[in-house]
C-alpha atoms as a PDB file:
ATOM      1  CA  TYR A   1     -12.043  71.251-156.854  1.00  0.00           C
ATOM      2  CA  ILE A   2      -8.395  71.669-156.009  1.00  0.00           C
ATOM      3  CA  THR A   3      -7.656  67.966-156.274  1.00  0.00           C
ATOM      4  CA  LEU A   4      -9.388  67.758-159.651  1.00  0.00           C
ATOM      5  CA  CYS A   5      -7.360  70.688-160.968  1.00  0.00           C
ATOM      6  CA  LEU A   6      -4.114  69.171-159.754  1.00  0.00           C
ATOM      7  CA  GLN A   7      -4.985  65.840-161.346  1.00  0.00           C
ATOM      8  CA  ALA A   8      -5.906  67.537-164.622  1.00  0.00           C
ATOM      9  CA  PHE A   9      -2.466  69.127-164.829  1.00  0.00           C
ATOM     10  CA  GLY A  10      -0.784  65.873-163.874  1.00  0.00           C
ATOM     11  CA  MET A  11       0.624  67.161-160.621  1.00  0.00           C
ATOM     12  CA  ALA A  12       1.207  64.817-157.717  1.00  0.00           C
ATOM     13  CA  ILE A  13      -1.397  65.018-155.019  1.00  0.00           C
ATOM     14  CA  GLY A  14       0.060  64.948-151.534  1.00  0.00           C
ATOM     15  CA  ASN A  15      -1.723  65.183-148.267  1.00  0.00           C
ATOM     16  CA  LEU A  16      -4.399  67.826-148.805  1.00  0.00           C
ATOM     17  CA  SER A  17      -6.239  67.246-145.563  1.00  0.00           C
ATOM     18  CA  GLY A  18      -4.865  70.538-144.263  1.00  0.00           C
ATOM     19  CA  LEU A  19      -6.919  72.350-146.866  1.00  0.00           C
ATOM     20  CA  ARG A  20     -10.096  70.844-145.449  1.00  0.00           C
ATOM     21  CA  THR A  21      -9.696  73.013-142.380  1.00  0.00           C
ATOM     22  CA  PHE A  22     -10.664  75.991-144.507  1.00  0.00           C
ATOM     23  CA  ARG A  23     -14.198  74.570-144.674  1.00  0.00           C
ATOM     24  CA  VAL A  24     -14.662  75.831-141.128  1.00  0.00           C
ATOM     25  CA  LEU A  25     -14.193  79.369-142.401  1.00  0.00           C
ATOM     26  CA  ARG A  26     -17.327  79.017-144.510  1.00  0.00           C
ATOM     27  CA  ALA A  27     -19.372  78.309-141.404  1.00  0.00           C
ATOM     28  CA  LEU A  28     -17.851  81.318-139.653  1.00  0.00           C
ATOM     29  CA  LYS A  29     -18.767  83.478-142.623  1.00  0.00           C
ATOM     30  CA  THR A  30     -22.370  82.288-142.387  1.00  0.00           C
ATOM     31  CA  VAL A  31     -22.446  83.095-138.676  1.00  0.00           C
ATOM     32  CA  SER A  32     -21.231  86.641-139.274  1.00  0.00           C
ATOM     33  CA  ILE A  33     -23.828  87.264-141.996  1.00  0.00           C
ATOM     34  CA  THR A  34     -26.924  85.944-140.193  1.00  0.00           C
ATOM     35  CA  PRO A  35     -27.768  88.085-137.126  1.00  0.00           C
ATOM     36  CA  GLY A  36     -29.982  85.468-135.439  1.00  0.00           C
ATOM     37  CA  LEU A  37     -27.329  82.797-135.777  1.00  0.00           C
ATOM     38  CA  LYS A  38     -24.733  85.231-134.478  1.00  0.00           C
ATOM     39  CA  THR A  39     -26.855  85.769-131.355  1.00  0.00           C
ATOM     40  CA  ILE A  40     -27.155  82.023-130.776  1.00  0.00           C
ATOM     41  CA  VAL A  41     -23.414  81.426-131.218  1.00  0.00           C
ATOM     42  CA  ASN A  42     -22.557  84.309-128.885  1.00  0.00           C
ATOM     43  CA  ALA A  43     -24.928  82.903-126.243  1.00  0.00           C
ATOM     44  CA  MET A  44     -23.352  79.464-126.552  1.00  0.00           C
ATOM     45  CA  LEU A  45     -19.841  80.887-126.238  1.00  0.00           C
ATOM     46  CA  HIS A  46     -20.912  82.939-123.230  1.00  0.00           C
ATOM     47  CA  SER A  47     -22.312  79.849-121.502  1.00  0.00           C
ATOM     48  CA  LEU A  48     -19.111  77.808-121.931  1.00  0.00           C
ATOM     49  CA  GLY A  49     -17.631  79.263-118.741  1.00  0.00           C
ATOM     50  CA  MET A  50     -20.648  78.277-116.679  1.00  0.00           C
ATOM     51  CA  LEU A  51     -20.706  74.862-118.336  1.00  0.00           C
ATOM     52  CA  ALA A  52     -17.065  74.320-117.362  1.00  0.00           C
ATOM     53  CA  GLU A  53     -17.937  75.061-113.736  1.00  0.00           C
ATOM     54  CA  VAL A  54     -20.818  72.582-113.814  1.00  0.00           C
ATOM     55  CA  MET A  55     -18.612  69.909-115.369  1.00  0.00           C
ATOM     56  CA  THR A  56     -15.931  70.486-112.724  1.00  0.00           C
ATOM     57  CA  LEU A  57     -18.479  70.119-109.931  1.00  0.00           C
ATOM     58  CA  THR A  58     -19.910  66.979-111.567  1.00  0.00           C
ATOM     59  CA  VAL A  59     -16.491  65.343-111.882  1.00  0.00           C
ATOM     60  CA  PHE A  60     -15.693  66.222-108.266  1.00  0.00           C
ATOM     61  CA  CYS A  61     -18.959  64.660-107.050  1.00  0.00           C
ATOM     62  CA  LEU A  62     -18.371  61.538-109.125  1.00  0.00           C
ATOM     63  CA  MET A  63     -14.891  61.178-107.647  1.00  0.00           C
ATOM     64  CA  VAL A  64     -16.217  61.532-104.096  1.00  0.00           C
ATOM     65  CA  PHE A  65     -18.931  58.936-104.667  1.00  0.00           C
ATOM     66  CA  ALA A  66     -16.435  56.607-106.360  1.00  0.00           C
ATOM     67  CA  LEU A  67     -14.147  56.820-103.334  1.00  0.00           C
ATOM     68  CA  LEU A  68     -17.069  56.167-100.998  1.00  0.00           C
ATOM     69  CA  ALA A  69     -18.111  53.160-103.068  1.00  0.00           C
ATOM     70  CA  LEU A  70     -14.570  51.788-102.952  1.00  0.00           C
ATOM     71  CA  GLN A  71     -14.497  52.135 -99.174  1.00  0.00           C
ATOM     72  CA  VAL A  72     -17.812  50.283 -98.868  1.00  0.00           C
ATOM     73  CA  ILE A  73     -16.684  47.510-101.215  1.00  0.00           C
ATOM     74  CA  ILE A  74     -13.341  47.082 -99.427  1.00  0.00           C
ATOM     75  CA  HIS A  75     -15.004  46.552 -96.034  1.00  0.00           C
ATOM     76  CA  PHE A  76     -17.193  43.731 -97.325  1.00  0.00           C
END
């Protein structure tokens, strides 16, 4: 609606993509209103720490197996 109002008054429209970030605030408002959704979001945020640990372990294992594969390929 902001762009339409600016065009109606003949004002120049610059880069308004920064205003689109305020759309995220609507979703946050919905989360704070709905108790079930708030529980789900809190559980997801709580699990991010554990997920980071799992991702770190996965990347470490992939690096080890990649190094082993390189050693096997080099000797052939």
